[in-house]
Amino acid sequence: MAFLLLEDEAGFFEVITFPAVYQKYSNLFRKEAPLLIEGVLSKNDGDSKIIARKIM
């Protein structure tokens, strides 16, 4: 499991990766290249996070 802090033009956001997703895509985290993340948006008390399902 990993908690990623990613940045785009709008600012920073947190991405949560559960163990199966982390294990499958962890090799992509070591590269300094753009990531495309498919997942579910989770909103809690004004705090938004993405729960990753697929990373490309």
N, C-alpha and C. Protein backbone atom coordinates (compact mmCIF):
# COMPACT_ATOMS: atom_id res chain seq x y z
N MET A 1 0.85 -1.18 0.00
CA MET A 1 0.00 0.00 0.00
C MET A 1 0.89 1.24 0.00
N ALA A 2 0.44 2.25 -0.74
CA ALA A 2 1.23 3.48 -0.79
C ALA A 2 0.29 4.68 -0.87
N PHE A 3 0.78 5.78 -0.33
CA PHE A 3 0.10 7.06 -0.44
C PHE A 3 1.00 7.95 -1.27
N LEU A 4 0.51 8.39 -2.41
CA LEU A 4 1.30 9.19 -3.32
C LEU A 4 0.82 10.63 -3.29
N LEU A 5 1.72 11.56 -3.34
CA LEU A 5 1.38 12.97 -3.45
C LEU A 5 1.82 13.41 -4.84
N LEU A 6 0.84 13.68 -5.70
CA LEU A 6 1.12 14.02 -7.08
C LEU A 6 0.78 15.48 -7.34
N GLU A 7 1.38 16.02 -8.39
CA GLU A 7 1.18 17.43 -8.72
C GLU A 7 0.79 17.57 -10.19
N ASP A 8 -0.14 18.47 -10.44
CA ASP A 8 -0.46 18.86 -11.81
C ASP A 8 -0.53 20.39 -11.85
N GLU A 9 -1.04 20.95 -12.95
CA GLU A 9 -1.09 22.41 -13.06
C GLU A 9 -1.97 23.06 -12.01
N ALA A 10 -2.95 22.33 -11.49
CA ALA A 10 -3.90 22.89 -10.51
C ALA A 10 -3.40 22.79 -9.08
N GLY A 11 -2.41 21.95 -8.82
CA GLY A 11 -1.89 21.81 -7.46
C GLY A 11 -1.54 20.37 -7.14
N PHE A 12 -1.60 20.06 -5.84
CA PHE A 12 -1.25 18.72 -5.36
C PHE A 12 -2.50 17.94 -5.02
N PHE A 13 -2.40 16.60 -5.12
CA PHE A 13 -3.50 15.75 -4.68
C PHE A 13 -2.94 14.41 -4.24
N GLU A 14 -3.68 13.75 -3.36
CA GLU A 14 -3.23 12.47 -2.82
C GLU A 14 -3.89 11.32 -3.57
N VAL A 15 -3.09 10.30 -3.83
CA VAL A 15 -3.56 9.08 -4.47
C VAL A 15 -3.27 7.92 -3.53
N ILE A 16 -4.29 7.12 -3.27
CA ILE A 16 -4.13 5.94 -2.42
C ILE A 16 -4.06 4.72 -3.32
N THR A 17 -3.04 3.89 -3.11
CA THR A 17 -2.92 2.64 -3.86
C THR A 17 -2.95 1.49 -2.87
N PHE A 18 -3.90 0.60 -3.02
CA PHE A 18 -3.99 -0.56 -2.15
C PHE A 18 -2.96 -1.61 -2.59
N PRO A 19 -2.68 -2.59 -1.73
CA PRO A 19 -1.57 -3.53 -1.98
C PRO A 19 -1.54 -4.17 -3.36
N ALA A 20 -2.66 -4.66 -3.86
CA ALA A 20 -2.65 -5.34 -5.16
C ALA A 20 -2.28 -4.38 -6.29
N VAL A 21 -2.82 -3.17 -6.25
CA VAL A 21 -2.51 -2.16 -7.27
C VAL A 21 -1.06 -1.72 -7.14
N TYR A 22 -0.61 -1.50 -5.91
CA TYR A 22 0.78 -1.08 -5.69
C TYR A 22 1.76 -2.13 -6.23
N GLN A 23 1.51 -3.39 -5.92
CA GLN A 23 2.41 -4.45 -6.37
C GLN A 23 2.43 -4.55 -7.90
N LYS A 24 1.29 -4.39 -8.53
CA LYS A 24 1.21 -4.52 -9.98
C LYS A 24 1.91 -3.38 -10.72
N TYR A 25 1.85 -2.15 -10.18
CA TYR A 25 2.35 -0.98 -10.90
C TYR A 25 3.53 -0.28 -10.22
N SER A 26 4.09 -0.84 -9.17
CA SER A 26 5.14 -0.15 -8.41
C SER A 26 6.38 0.18 -9.25
N ASN A 27 6.64 -0.57 -10.30
CA ASN A 27 7.79 -0.27 -11.15
C ASN A 27 7.65 1.09 -11.85
N LEU A 28 6.43 1.58 -12.02
CA LEU A 28 6.21 2.87 -12.67
C LEU A 28 6.52 4.04 -11.75
N PHE A 29 6.49 3.82 -10.44
CA PHE A 29 6.70 4.91 -9.48
C PHE A 29 8.15 5.36 -9.44
N ARG A 30 9.07 4.56 -9.89
CA ARG A 30 10.48 4.89 -9.80
C ARG A 30 10.97 5.73 -10.98
N LYS A 31 10.16 5.84 -12.00
CA LYS A 31 10.54 6.60 -13.19
C LYS A 31 10.05 8.04 -13.05
N GLU A 32 10.83 8.95 -13.58
CA GLU A 32 10.41 10.35 -13.58
C GLU A 32 9.70 10.63 -14.90
N ALA A 33 8.51 10.09 -15.00
CA ALA A 33 7.70 10.25 -16.19
C ALA A 33 6.26 10.51 -15.77
N PRO A 34 5.47 11.11 -16.64
CA PRO A 34 4.06 11.35 -16.30
C PRO A 34 3.32 10.04 -16.05
N LEU A 35 2.37 10.08 -15.13
CA LEU A 35 1.53 8.92 -14.84
C LEU A 35 0.09 9.24 -15.21
N LEU A 36 -0.60 8.26 -15.74
CA LEU A 36 -2.04 8.35 -15.96
C LEU A 36 -2.67 7.41 -14.96
N ILE A 37 -3.53 7.93 -14.11
CA ILE A 37 -4.12 7.13 -13.04
C ILE A 37 -5.62 7.05 -13.25
N GLU A 38 -6.13 5.82 -13.27
CA GLU A 38 -7.57 5.58 -13.36
C GLU A 38 -8.02 5.13 -11.99
N GLY A 39 -9.08 5.72 -11.48
CA GLY A 39 -9.53 5.34 -10.16
C GLY A 39 -10.86 5.97 -9.79
N VAL A 40 -11.10 6.02 -8.49
CA VAL A 40 -12.34 6.52 -7.94
C VAL A 40 -12.03 7.74 -7.08
N LEU A 41 -12.80 8.80 -7.25
CA LEU A 41 -12.63 10.00 -6.45
C LEU A 41 -13.35 9.82 -5.13
N SER A 42 -12.64 10.05 -4.04
CA SER A 42 -13.20 9.94 -2.70
C SER A 42 -13.19 11.32 -2.06
N LYS A 43 -14.37 11.80 -1.65
CA LYS A 43 -14.48 13.10 -0.99
C LYS A 43 -14.91 12.89 0.45
N ASN A 44 -14.19 13.54 1.38
CA ASN A 44 -14.51 13.42 2.80
C ASN A 44 -14.24 14.75 3.46
N ASP A 45 -15.28 15.44 3.91
CA ASP A 45 -15.14 16.73 4.59
C ASP A 45 -14.31 17.73 3.79
N GLY A 46 -14.56 17.82 2.50
CA GLY A 46 -13.84 18.77 1.66
C GLY A 46 -12.47 18.32 1.22
N ASP A 47 -12.04 17.15 1.66
CA ASP A 47 -10.72 16.61 1.29
C ASP A 47 -10.93 15.55 0.21
N SER A 48 -10.36 15.76 -0.97
CA SER A 48 -10.52 14.82 -2.08
C SER A 48 -9.27 14.00 -2.27
N LYS A 49 -9.47 12.71 -2.53
CA LYS A 49 -8.37 11.78 -2.82
C LYS A 49 -8.80 10.88 -3.96
N ILE A 50 -7.82 10.33 -4.65
CA ILE A 50 -8.11 9.36 -5.69
C ILE A 50 -7.67 7.99 -5.18
N ILE A 51 -8.56 7.02 -5.30
CA ILE A 51 -8.21 5.63 -4.97
C ILE A 51 -7.88 4.96 -6.30
N ALA A 52 -6.61 4.66 -6.50
CA ALA A 52 -6.12 4.15 -7.78
C ALA A 52 -6.61 2.73 -8.05
N ARG A 53 -7.03 2.51 -9.27
CA ARG A 53 -7.41 1.17 -9.74
C ARG A 53 -6.44 0.68 -10.81
N LYS A 54 -5.92 1.63 -11.62
CA LYS A 54 -5.01 1.29 -12.71
C LYS A 54 -4.06 2.46 -12.92
N ILE A 55 -2.79 2.16 -13.17
CA ILE A 55 -1.79 3.20 -13.38
C ILE A 55 -1.04 2.89 -14.68
N MET A 56 -0.92 3.92 -15.53
CA MET A 56 -0.25 3.74 -16.82
C MET A 56 0.85 4.77 -16.97
